[in-house]
Amino acid sequence: MASGTKKRIVWSVSITIGLVLLLGFVGPFIPYKEVTNWICPVSGSTRTETIWFGHFSHEERTVTALEKWLKRREPGFEPNWQYLSTQTYFVLGRSCATAGTPQVYQLIPILDRVVEKLSDERIADLVAVLRHGSRDEQRHMIEKIVDEVFDTAAPANMK
């Protein structure tokens, strides 16, 4: 092999190893995406903001059936956003920060069914407890509502 070819191979390998080591040390400190989530503790609606490279932002919003119900009853209703979590993605790795979830979070998978199955009076009771009740009162109310919704959905021979 010619001397020039050996030098090019050595330089190429050296530069590649240097870049890999640099990336290994610096990569965990270079964020490229941050995803932040919020939830409304009354309606259960969610909001997600994704920021790419610290500049490009995209927001998505999920409107629940309970928020739609609230807007029909209270035209001025706006979600009161509560921080839920942030996931930061780095070139090598990721981190996550979370806050506690409100009690309505447990209902999100069945919230459409809850609004569909329950009377306006029961939904108004749920909203009142979510707004003004203690955490234990909220938990108890949600357990009762889940039981009601699944009790009405169960076949007659299962009851």
N, C-alpha and C. Protein backbone atom coordinates (compact mmCIF):
# COMPACT_ATOMS: atom_id res chain seq x y z
N MET A 1 0.83 -1.17 0.00
CA MET A 1 0.00 0.00 0.00
C MET A 1 0.88 1.24 0.00
N ALA A 2 0.46 2.23 -0.69
CA ALA A 2 1.25 3.46 -0.78
C ALA A 2 1.18 4.22 0.53
N SER A 3 2.20 4.97 0.80
CA SER A 3 2.29 5.77 2.03
C SER A 3 1.14 6.78 2.12
N GLY A 4 0.75 7.37 1.01
CA GLY A 4 -0.34 8.35 0.99
C GLY A 4 -1.67 7.72 1.35
N THR A 5 -1.91 6.52 0.88
CA THR A 5 -3.15 5.81 1.18
C THR A 5 -3.23 5.47 2.66
N LYS A 6 -2.11 5.04 3.24
CA LYS A 6 -2.07 4.72 4.67
C LYS A 6 -2.38 5.96 5.49
N LYS A 7 -1.82 7.11 5.09
CA LYS A 7 -2.05 8.35 5.83
C LYS A 7 -3.53 8.75 5.76
N ARG A 8 -4.14 8.59 4.58
CA ARG A 8 -5.57 8.94 4.43
C ARG A 8 -6.43 8.03 5.30
N ILE A 9 -6.10 6.75 5.34
CA ILE A 9 -6.86 5.80 6.17
C ILE A 9 -6.71 6.17 7.65
N VAL A 10 -5.49 6.44 8.08
CA VAL A 10 -5.25 6.81 9.48
C VAL A 10 -6.00 8.09 9.82
N TRP A 11 -5.94 9.10 8.94
CA TRP A 11 -6.64 10.35 9.20
C TRP A 11 -8.16 10.14 9.21
N SER A 12 -8.67 9.37 8.28
CA SER A 12 -10.12 9.11 8.23
C SER A 12 -10.59 8.41 9.49
N VAL A 13 -9.85 7.37 9.90
CA VAL A 13 -10.22 6.65 11.12
C VAL A 13 -10.10 7.57 12.34
N SER A 14 -9.04 8.36 12.41
CA SER A 14 -8.85 9.27 13.55
C SER A 14 -9.96 10.30 13.63
N ILE A 15 -10.32 10.88 12.50
CA ILE A 15 -11.40 11.89 12.49
C ILE A 15 -12.73 11.23 12.87
N THR A 16 -13.00 10.05 12.35
CA THR A 16 -14.24 9.35 12.68
C THR A 16 -14.31 9.03 14.17
N ILE A 17 -13.23 8.50 14.72
CA ILE A 17 -13.21 8.19 16.16
C ILE A 17 -13.36 9.47 16.97
N GLY A 18 -12.72 10.54 16.56
CA GLY A 18 -12.83 11.82 17.26
C GLY A 18 -14.26 12.35 17.25
N LEU A 19 -14.92 12.27 16.09
CA LEU A 19 -16.31 12.73 16.00
C LEU A 19 -17.25 11.87 16.84
N VAL A 20 -17.03 10.56 16.83
CA VAL A 20 -17.86 9.67 17.65
C VAL A 20 -17.67 9.98 19.13
N LEU A 21 -16.43 10.18 19.56
CA LEU A 21 -16.17 10.52 20.96
C LEU A 21 -16.77 11.88 21.32
N LEU A 22 -16.62 12.86 20.44
CA LEU A 22 -17.20 14.18 20.67
C LEU A 22 -18.72 14.07 20.81
N LEU A 23 -19.35 13.34 19.91
CA LEU A 23 -20.79 13.14 19.97
C LEU A 23 -21.19 12.42 21.25
N GLY A 24 -20.38 11.45 21.66
CA GLY A 24 -20.66 10.71 22.91
C GLY A 24 -20.62 11.60 24.14
N PHE A 25 -19.72 12.57 24.14
CA PHE A 25 -19.61 13.47 25.29
C PHE A 25 -20.60 14.63 25.21
N VAL A 26 -20.82 15.18 24.03
CA VAL A 26 -21.65 16.37 23.88
C VAL A 26 -23.11 16.01 23.58
N GLY A 27 -23.35 14.87 22.95
CA GLY A 27 -24.69 14.47 22.54
C GLY A 27 -25.75 14.53 23.62
N PRO A 28 -25.43 14.08 24.84
CA PRO A 28 -26.46 14.13 25.88
C PRO A 28 -26.84 15.56 26.31
N PHE A 29 -26.13 16.55 25.81
CA PHE A 29 -26.41 17.93 26.19
C PHE A 29 -26.99 18.75 25.04
N ILE A 30 -27.26 18.12 23.91
CA ILE A 30 -27.80 18.83 22.75
C ILE A 30 -29.27 18.44 22.55
N PRO A 31 -30.19 19.30 23.02
CA PRO A 31 -31.61 18.99 22.83
C PRO A 31 -32.06 19.33 21.40
N TYR A 32 -32.94 18.50 20.87
CA TYR A 32 -33.48 18.82 19.55
C TYR A 32 -35.00 18.91 19.56
N LYS A 33 -35.65 18.36 20.60
CA LYS A 33 -37.11 18.42 20.65
C LYS A 33 -37.56 18.47 22.10
N GLU A 34 -38.60 19.27 22.36
CA GLU A 34 -39.20 19.33 23.70
C GLU A 34 -40.72 19.25 23.54
N VAL A 35 -41.34 18.32 24.26
CA VAL A 35 -42.78 18.12 24.19
C VAL A 35 -43.35 18.41 25.58
N THR A 36 -44.23 19.42 25.66
CA THR A 36 -44.82 19.80 26.94
C THR A 36 -46.33 19.56 26.87
N ASN A 37 -46.87 18.95 27.94
CA ASN A 37 -48.29 18.59 27.99
C ASN A 37 -48.98 19.32 29.13
N TRP A 38 -50.23 19.77 28.86
CA TRP A 38 -51.09 20.38 29.88
C TRP A 38 -52.44 19.68 29.83
N ILE A 39 -53.18 19.78 30.94
CA ILE A 39 -54.52 19.21 31.00
C ILE A 39 -55.42 20.18 31.76
N CYS A 40 -56.69 20.22 31.39
CA CYS A 40 -57.67 21.00 32.14
C CYS A 40 -58.23 20.07 33.22
N PRO A 41 -58.08 20.43 34.51
CA PRO A 41 -58.53 19.53 35.58
C PRO A 41 -60.04 19.41 35.69
N VAL A 42 -60.79 20.22 34.94
CA VAL A 42 -62.26 20.13 34.97
C VAL A 42 -62.77 19.37 33.75
N SER A 43 -62.33 19.76 32.56
CA SER A 43 -62.88 19.16 31.34
C SER A 43 -62.10 17.94 30.86
N GLY A 44 -60.84 17.79 31.28
CA GLY A 44 -60.03 16.67 30.82
C GLY A 44 -59.41 16.90 29.45
N SER A 45 -59.66 18.08 28.84
CA SER A 45 -59.05 18.39 27.55
C SER A 45 -57.54 18.52 27.73
N THR A 46 -56.80 18.22 26.67
CA THR A 46 -55.34 18.27 26.75
C THR A 46 -54.78 19.20 25.67
N ARG A 47 -53.58 19.68 25.97
CA ARG A 47 -52.85 20.54 25.03
C ARG A 47 -51.41 20.07 25.02
N THR A 48 -50.83 19.90 23.83
CA THR A 48 -49.45 19.46 23.68
C THR A 48 -48.72 20.44 22.78
N GLU A 49 -47.58 20.93 23.27
CA GLU A 49 -46.75 21.82 22.47
C GLU A 49 -45.42 21.11 22.21
N THR A 50 -45.05 21.04 20.93
CA THR A 50 -43.78 20.45 20.52
C THR A 50 -42.90 21.55 19.95
N ILE A 51 -41.69 21.67 20.48
CA ILE A 51 -40.74 22.66 19.99
C ILE A 51 -39.52 21.92 19.46
N TRP A 52 -39.20 22.16 18.19
CA TRP A 52 -38.05 21.54 17.53
C TRP A 52 -36.90 22.54 17.49
N PHE A 53 -35.73 22.10 17.91
CA PHE A 53 -34.50 22.88 17.86
C PHE A 53 -34.65 24.25 18.51
N GLY A 54 -35.55 24.36 19.49
CA GLY A 54 -35.73 25.59 20.24
C GLY A 54 -36.46 26.70 19.52
N HIS A 55 -36.90 26.48 18.29
CA HIS A 55 -37.51 27.57 17.52
C HIS A 55 -38.84 27.22 16.86
N PHE A 56 -38.96 26.04 16.31
CA PHE A 56 -40.13 25.67 15.53
C PHE A 56 -41.15 25.01 16.45
N SER A 57 -42.32 25.64 16.54
CA SER A 57 -43.32 25.19 17.51
C SER A 57 -44.56 24.64 16.80
N HIS A 58 -45.14 23.61 17.40
CA HIS A 58 -46.38 23.03 16.90
C HIS A 58 -47.25 22.69 18.11
N GLU A 59 -48.52 23.09 18.06
CA GLU A 59 -49.41 22.81 19.19
C GLU A 59 -50.59 21.98 18.72
N GLU A 60 -50.94 21.00 19.53
CA GLU A 60 -52.11 20.16 19.28
C GLU A 60 -53.02 20.24 20.50
N ARG A 61 -54.31 20.20 20.24
CA ARG A 61 -55.27 20.30 21.34
C ARG A 61 -56.32 19.22 21.16
N THR A 62 -56.66 18.54 22.25
CA THR A 62 -57.72 17.55 22.25
C THR A 62 -58.88 18.10 23.06
N VAL A 63 -60.03 18.23 22.43
CA VAL A 63 -61.22 18.75 23.08
C VAL A 63 -62.09 17.54 23.45
N THR A 64 -62.37 17.38 24.74
CA THR A 64 -63.17 16.25 25.19
C THR A 64 -64.66 16.56 25.07
N ALA A 65 -65.47 15.52 25.16
CA ALA A 65 -66.93 15.69 25.13
C ALA A 65 -67.38 16.51 26.34
N LEU A 66 -66.66 16.40 27.45
CA LEU A 66 -67.03 17.17 28.64
C LEU A 66 -66.79 18.66 28.41
N GLU A 67 -65.71 19.02 27.71
CA GLU A 67 -65.49 20.45 27.39
C GLU A 67 -66.59 20.96 26.47
N LYS A 68 -66.98 20.17 25.49
CA LYS A 68 -68.08 20.57 24.59
C LYS A 68 -69.37 20.77 25.38
N TRP A 69 -69.62 19.85 26.31
CA TRP A 69 -70.82 19.95 27.15
C TRP A 69 -70.76 21.24 27.98
N LEU A 70 -69.59 21.51 28.57
CA LEU A 70 -69.43 22.72 29.37
C LEU A 70 -69.61 23.99 28.54
N LYS A 71 -69.12 24.00 27.32
CA LYS A 71 -69.25 25.19 26.46
C LYS A 71 -70.70 25.42 26.05
N ARG A 72 -71.48 24.34 25.93
CA ARG A 72 -72.92 24.52 25.65
C ARG A 72 -73.63 25.11 26.86
N ARG A 73 -73.26 24.68 28.06
CA ARG A 73 -73.89 25.16 29.29
C ARG A 73 -73.34 26.50 29.75
N GLU A 74 -72.06 26.72 29.55
CA GLU A 74 -71.38 27.95 29.96
C GLU A 74 -70.58 28.47 28.77
N PRO A 75 -71.18 29.29 27.92
CA PRO A 75 -70.50 29.74 26.70
C PRO A 75 -69.13 30.39 26.94
N GLY A 76 -68.89 30.94 28.10
CA GLY A 76 -67.60 31.57 28.39
C GLY A 76 -66.56 30.62 28.95
N PHE A 77 -66.86 29.33 29.02
CA PHE A 77 -65.91 28.39 29.61
C PHE A 77 -64.65 28.29 28.78
N GLU A 78 -63.52 28.39 29.44
CA GLU A 78 -62.21 28.16 28.84
C GLU A 78 -61.44 27.22 29.74
N PRO A 79 -60.71 26.27 29.17
CA PRO A 79 -59.93 25.35 30.01
C PRO A 79 -58.92 26.11 30.87
N ASN A 80 -58.73 25.62 32.08
CA ASN A 80 -57.74 26.17 32.99
C ASN A 80 -56.55 25.20 32.95
N TRP A 81 -55.56 25.50 32.12
CA TRP A 81 -54.48 24.55 31.85
C TRP A 81 -53.59 24.34 33.06
N GLN A 82 -53.37 23.08 33.36
CA GLN A 82 -52.48 22.67 34.45
C GLN A 82 -51.34 21.87 33.83
N TYR A 83 -50.12 22.21 34.21
CA TYR A 83 -48.94 21.52 33.68
C TYR A 83 -49.00 20.04 34.02
N LEU A 84 -48.65 19.20 33.05
CA LEU A 84 -48.67 17.75 33.24
C LEU A 84 -47.28 17.14 33.11
N SER A 85 -46.57 17.43 32.01
CA SER A 85 -45.24 16.83 31.84
C SER A 85 -44.47 17.50 30.71
N THR A 86 -43.16 17.27 30.73
CA THR A 86 -42.27 17.71 29.66
C THR A 86 -41.30 16.58 29.35
N GLN A 87 -41.17 16.25 28.07
CA GLN A 87 -40.17 15.28 27.62
C GLN A 87 -39.18 16.06 26.74
N THR A 88 -37.91 15.97 27.08
CA THR A 88 -36.88 16.62 26.29
C THR A 88 -36.05 15.53 25.62
N TYR A 89 -35.92 15.63 24.31
CA TYR A 89 -35.17 14.65 23.53
C TYR A 89 -33.82 15.25 23.16
N PHE A 90 -32.75 14.51 23.46
CA PHE A 90 -31.39 14.93 23.16
C PHE A 90 -30.85 14.05 22.03
N VAL A 91 -29.73 14.46 21.44
CA VAL A 91 -29.12 13.66 20.38
C VAL A 91 -28.86 12.24 20.89
N LEU A 92 -28.39 12.12 22.12
CA LEU A 92 -28.19 10.81 22.74
C LEU A 92 -28.92 10.78 24.08
N GLY A 93 -30.17 10.41 24.06
CA GLY A 93 -30.92 10.26 25.30
C GLY A 93 -32.15 11.14 25.36
N ARG A 94 -32.81 11.08 26.51
CA ARG A 94 -33.99 11.92 26.72
C ARG A 94 -34.24 12.05 28.21
N SER A 95 -35.00 13.07 28.58
CA SER A 95 -35.37 13.26 29.98
C SER A 95 -36.86 13.55 30.06
N CYS A 96 -37.41 13.35 31.24
CA CYS A 96 -38.85 13.55 31.44
C CYS A 96 -39.07 14.20 32.79
N ALA A 97 -39.91 15.21 32.81
CA ALA A 97 -40.32 15.85 34.06
C ALA A 97 -41.84 15.76 34.12
N THR A 98 -42.37 15.38 35.28
CA THR A 98 -43.82 15.23 35.41
C THR A 98 -44.32 15.94 36.65
N ALA A 99 -45.60 16.25 36.61
CA ALA A 99 -46.30 16.79 37.77
C ALA A 99 -47.43 15.82 38.08
N GLY A 100 -48.08 15.99 39.18
CA GLY A 100 -49.20 15.12 39.51
C GLY A 100 -50.36 15.30 38.54
N THR A 101 -51.11 14.25 38.33
CA THR A 101 -52.26 14.33 37.43
C THR A 101 -53.52 14.65 38.23
N PRO A 102 -54.41 15.45 37.65
CA PRO A 102 -55.69 15.70 38.32
C PRO A 102 -56.56 14.45 38.24
N GLN A 103 -57.56 14.37 39.07
CA GLN A 103 -58.41 13.18 39.14
C GLN A 103 -59.14 12.90 37.82
N VAL A 104 -59.49 13.95 37.07
CA VAL A 104 -60.21 13.75 35.81
C VAL A 104 -59.38 12.94 34.82
N TYR A 105 -58.09 12.89 35.01
CA TYR A 105 -57.20 12.14 34.12
C TYR A 105 -57.62 10.67 34.02
N GLN A 106 -58.15 10.13 35.11
CA GLN A 106 -58.59 8.73 35.12
C GLN A 106 -59.78 8.49 34.19
N LEU A 107 -60.56 9.55 33.95
CA LEU A 107 -61.76 9.42 33.12
C LEU A 107 -61.50 9.59 31.62
N ILE A 108 -60.35 10.11 31.26
CA ILE A 108 -60.10 10.47 29.86
C ILE A 108 -60.43 9.34 28.88
N PRO A 109 -60.04 8.09 29.14
CA PRO A 109 -60.34 7.03 28.15
C PRO A 109 -61.84 6.81 27.93
N ILE A 110 -62.68 7.15 28.93
CA ILE A 110 -64.11 6.88 28.80
C ILE A 110 -64.95 8.16 28.89
N LEU A 111 -64.31 9.33 28.79
CA LEU A 111 -65.03 10.59 29.00
C LEU A 111 -66.17 10.79 28.00
N ASP A 112 -65.98 10.38 26.75
CA ASP A 112 -67.05 10.49 25.76
C ASP A 112 -68.26 9.66 26.19
N ARG A 113 -67.99 8.46 26.66
CA ARG A 113 -69.08 7.58 27.10
C ARG A 113 -69.76 8.14 28.35
N VAL A 114 -68.99 8.74 29.24
CA VAL A 114 -69.56 9.34 30.46
C VAL A 114 -70.56 10.41 30.08
N VAL A 115 -70.17 11.31 29.19
CA VAL A 115 -71.05 12.42 28.79
C VAL A 115 -72.27 11.89 28.03
N GLU A 116 -72.07 10.84 27.26
CA GLU A 116 -73.17 10.26 26.50
C GLU A 116 -74.18 9.55 27.41
N LYS A 117 -73.71 8.82 28.41
CA LYS A 117 -74.58 7.96 29.22
C LYS A 117 -75.26 8.69 30.39
N LEU A 118 -74.59 9.69 30.97
CA LEU A 118 -75.12 10.31 32.18
C LEU A 118 -76.06 11.47 31.85
N SER A 119 -76.95 11.74 32.80
CA SER A 119 -77.87 12.86 32.64
C SER A 119 -77.11 14.17 32.85
N ASP A 120 -77.71 15.26 32.38
CA ASP A 120 -77.09 16.58 32.56
C ASP A 120 -76.89 16.88 34.05
N GLU A 121 -77.81 16.42 34.87
CA GLU A 121 -77.70 16.66 36.32
C GLU A 121 -76.47 15.95 36.91
N ARG A 122 -76.24 14.70 36.50
CA ARG A 122 -75.08 13.95 37.00
C ARG A 122 -73.77 14.57 36.49
N ILE A 123 -73.77 15.02 35.24
CA ILE A 123 -72.57 15.65 34.70
C ILE A 123 -72.31 16.96 35.43
N ALA A 124 -73.37 17.72 35.72
CA ALA A 124 -73.21 18.98 36.46
C ALA A 124 -72.66 18.69 37.86
N ASP A 125 -73.10 17.60 38.49
CA ASP A 125 -72.56 17.21 39.80
C ASP A 125 -71.07 16.90 39.69
N LEU A 126 -70.69 16.16 38.65
CA LEU A 126 -69.28 15.82 38.43
C LEU A 126 -68.45 17.09 38.26
N VAL A 127 -68.92 18.02 37.44
CA VAL A 127 -68.19 19.26 37.19
C VAL A 127 -68.05 20.06 38.48
N ALA A 128 -69.10 20.12 39.29
CA ALA A 128 -69.04 20.86 40.56
C ALA A 128 -67.99 20.25 41.49
N VAL A 129 -67.93 18.94 41.56
CA VAL A 129 -66.94 18.28 42.42
C VAL A 129 -65.53 18.47 41.86
N LEU A 130 -65.38 18.40 40.53
CA LEU A 130 -64.06 18.61 39.93
C LEU A 130 -63.58 20.04 40.17
N ARG A 131 -64.50 20.98 40.20
CA ARG A 131 -64.12 22.38 40.43
C ARG A 131 -63.84 22.69 41.90
N HIS A 132 -64.68 22.19 42.79
CA HIS A 132 -64.62 22.65 44.17
C HIS A 132 -64.36 21.57 45.21
N GLY A 133 -64.38 20.32 44.81
CA GLY A 133 -64.22 19.23 45.78
C GLY A 133 -62.76 18.96 46.13
N SER A 134 -62.60 18.29 47.25
CA SER A 134 -61.25 17.86 47.65
C SER A 134 -60.82 16.72 46.72
N ARG A 135 -59.57 16.37 46.79
CA ARG A 135 -59.05 15.27 45.96
C ARG A 135 -59.79 13.96 46.27
N ASP A 136 -60.08 13.71 47.55
CA ASP A 136 -60.81 12.50 47.94
C ASP A 136 -62.25 12.53 47.41
N GLU A 137 -62.90 13.69 47.49
CA GLU A 137 -64.26 13.81 46.96
C GLU A 137 -64.26 13.58 45.45
N GLN A 138 -63.28 14.12 44.77
CA GLN A 138 -63.18 13.93 43.32
C GLN A 138 -62.98 12.45 43.00
N ARG A 139 -62.07 11.81 43.71
CA ARG A 139 -61.80 10.38 43.47
C ARG A 139 -63.06 9.56 43.69
N HIS A 140 -63.78 9.84 44.79
CA HIS A 140 -64.99 9.09 45.11
C HIS A 140 -66.06 9.30 44.02
N MET A 141 -66.23 10.53 43.58
CA MET A 141 -67.22 10.82 42.55
C MET A 141 -66.86 10.10 41.25
N ILE A 142 -65.60 10.11 40.88
CA ILE A 142 -65.17 9.45 39.64
C ILE A 142 -65.38 7.94 39.74
N GLU A 143 -65.10 7.35 40.90
CA GLU A 143 -65.35 5.92 41.08
C GLU A 143 -66.83 5.59 40.89
N LYS A 144 -67.70 6.42 41.48
CA LYS A 144 -69.15 6.20 41.34
C LYS A 144 -69.58 6.32 39.88
N ILE A 145 -69.05 7.31 39.19
CA ILE A 145 -69.44 7.52 37.79
C ILE A 145 -68.94 6.37 36.92
N VAL A 146 -67.73 5.92 37.15
CA VAL A 146 -67.21 4.78 36.39
C VAL A 146 -68.08 3.55 36.62
N ASP A 147 -68.46 3.32 37.87
CA ASP A 147 -69.35 2.19 38.17
C ASP A 147 -70.69 2.35 37.44
N GLU A 148 -71.26 3.54 37.43
CA GLU A 148 -72.53 3.79 36.74
C GLU A 148 -72.41 3.52 35.25
N VAL A 149 -71.36 4.07 34.64
CA VAL A 149 -71.19 3.93 33.20
C VAL A 149 -71.00 2.48 32.81
N PHE A 150 -70.17 1.76 33.56
CA PHE A 150 -69.93 0.36 33.22
C PHE A 150 -71.08 -0.54 33.63
N ASP A 151 -71.85 -0.13 34.63
CA ASP A 151 -73.00 -0.91 35.04
C ASP A 151 -74.08 -0.86 33.96
N THR A 152 -74.27 0.34 33.36
CA THR A 152 -75.26 0.45 32.29
C THR A 152 -74.77 -0.21 31.00
N ALA A 153 -73.46 -0.34 30.84
CA ALA A 153 -72.92 -0.95 29.62
C ALA A 153 -72.86 -2.48 29.71
N ALA A 154 -72.94 -3.03 30.93
CA ALA A 154 -72.81 -4.47 31.11
C ALA A 154 -74.07 -5.17 30.60
N PRO A 155 -73.92 -6.33 29.99
CA PRO A 155 -75.08 -7.11 29.55
C PRO A 155 -75.93 -7.52 30.75
N ALA A 156 -77.21 -7.73 30.52
CA ALA A 156 -78.14 -8.05 31.61
C ALA A 156 -77.74 -9.31 32.37
N ASN A 157 -77.22 -10.31 31.70
CA ASN A 157 -76.88 -11.56 32.39
C ASN A 157 -75.60 -11.43 33.20
N MET A 158 -74.85 -10.34 33.07
CA MET A 158 -73.61 -10.13 33.82
C MET A 158 -73.87 -9.41 35.15
N LYS A 159 -75.04 -8.79 35.29
CA LYS A 159 -75.34 -7.99 36.50
C LYS A 159 -75.68 -8.84 37.67
